[in-house]
Amino acid sequence: MTLRSKERAALRAQAHHLSVTVHIGHQGVTDALRQTLDESFANRELVKVQFSKNSDVKAKKAADDLAALVDAEVVQAIGRTVTLFRSRPRPSDAD
């Protein structure tokens, strides 16, 4: 699923007030971090991720890689903070 411009704008507005949920340290993306992201997406559809100042990554490239890893969409990348979106199935979708 690819987000349309208006959907992305609405998600950015919702994400503005969110706190960072997941921090990525100097070790980068590990299996434990991937599991933490999956758990965060189990509780909410929008997750803010912040890369450590010590990490040598470009946020946009890292955001794309991270989104692909956890099957999510990048909503925005500002500085070292990235917002990801992954929709949860609605109860009526299960039928």
Protein backbone atom coordinates (compact mmCIF):
# COMPACT_ATOMS: atom_id res chain seq x y z
CA MET A 1 0.00 0.00 0.00
CA THR A 2 1.37 3.37 -0.99
CA LEU A 3 0.14 6.42 0.86
CA ARG A 4 -1.35 9.25 -1.15
CA SER A 5 -0.29 12.82 -0.51
CA LYS A 6 -3.42 13.74 1.48
CA GLU A 7 -3.17 10.59 3.60
CA ARG A 8 0.50 11.29 4.32
CA ALA A 9 -0.35 14.90 5.28
CA ALA A 10 -3.07 13.73 7.68
CA LEU A 11 -0.69 11.20 9.25
CA ARG A 12 2.01 13.87 9.64
CA ALA A 13 -0.51 16.03 11.50
CA GLN A 14 -1.40 13.12 13.82
CA ALA A 15 2.27 12.27 14.38
CA HIS A 16 3.25 15.82 15.30
CA HIS A 17 2.15 15.35 18.92
CA LEU A 18 3.56 11.84 19.35
CA SER A 19 6.65 11.13 21.38
CA VAL A 20 9.49 9.05 20.02
CA THR A 21 8.66 5.40 20.70
CA VAL A 22 11.75 3.59 19.43
CA HIS A 23 15.39 4.68 19.68
CA ILE A 24 18.03 3.21 17.40
CA GLY A 25 21.48 3.28 18.93
CA HIS A 26 24.96 2.81 17.55
CA GLN A 27 24.32 -0.91 16.96
CA GLY A 28 21.78 -0.04 14.28
CA VAL A 29 18.92 -2.31 13.34
CA THR A 30 19.06 -5.58 15.25
CA ASP A 31 16.59 -8.44 15.64
CA ALA A 32 15.61 -7.04 19.05
CA LEU A 33 14.93 -3.65 17.51
CA ARG A 34 12.82 -5.22 14.76
CA GLN A 35 10.80 -7.05 17.43
CA THR A 36 10.35 -3.80 19.37
CA LEU A 37 9.04 -2.09 16.24
CA ASP A 38 6.62 -4.94 15.57
CA GLU A 39 5.34 -4.66 19.16
CA SER A 40 4.93 -0.91 18.76
CA PHE A 41 2.93 -1.42 15.58
CA ALA A 42 0.73 -3.93 17.42
CA ASN A 43 -0.35 -1.08 19.72
CA ARG A 44 -0.52 1.80 17.25
CA GLU A 45 -0.35 2.52 13.55
CA LEU A 46 2.05 5.49 13.79
CA VAL A 47 5.48 5.02 15.33
CA LYS A 48 8.20 7.63 15.73
CA VAL A 49 11.77 6.36 15.55
CA GLN A 50 14.87 8.32 16.43
CA PHE A 51 18.40 7.49 15.33
CA SER A 52 21.26 8.08 17.75
CA LYS A 53 23.52 11.06 17.20
CA ASN A 54 26.40 8.58 17.20
CA SER A 55 25.02 6.61 14.26
CA ASP A 56 26.43 7.38 10.85
CA VAL A 57 23.22 7.03 8.84
CA LYS A 58 21.26 9.23 6.49
CA ALA A 59 17.77 9.36 8.00
CA LYS A 60 15.88 9.15 4.71
CA LYS A 61 17.83 6.11 3.44
CA ALA A 62 17.64 4.44 6.85
CA ALA A 63 13.89 5.20 7.03
CA ASP A 64 13.29 3.51 3.68
CA ASP A 65 15.33 0.46 4.74
CA LEU A 66 13.59 0.27 8.10
CA ALA A 67 10.12 0.61 6.55
CA ALA A 68 10.88 -2.22 4.12
CA LEU A 69 12.12 -4.38 6.99
CA VAL A 70 8.91 -4.04 9.05
CA ASP A 71 6.46 -3.71 6.13
CA ALA A 72 5.57 -0.08 6.87
CA GLU A 73 5.37 3.25 5.02
CA VAL A 74 7.56 6.27 5.70
CA VAL A 75 5.37 9.22 6.64
CA GLN A 76 8.21 11.68 7.15
CA ALA A 77 11.88 11.96 7.99
CA ILE A 78 13.09 15.08 9.77
CA GLY A 79 16.65 15.20 10.97
CA ARG A 80 17.26 11.94 12.83
CA THR A 81 13.57 11.34 13.56
CA VAL A 82 11.44 9.18 11.28
CA THR A 83 7.70 8.51 11.44
CA LEU A 84 6.47 5.16 10.12
CA PHE A 85 2.93 3.97 9.43
CA ARG A 86 1.61 0.43 9.23
CA SER A 87 -2.13 -0.13 9.10
CA ARG A 88 -3.67 -2.67 11.41
CA PRO A 89 -6.42 -4.91 10.10
CA ARG A 90 -9.82 -3.73 11.25
CA PRO A 91 -12.05 -6.30 13.01
CA SER A 92 -14.47 -6.26 10.06
CA ASP A 93 -11.55 -7.10 7.69
CA ALA A 94 -11.15 -10.52 9.32
CA ASP A 95 -14.54 -11.69 8.01
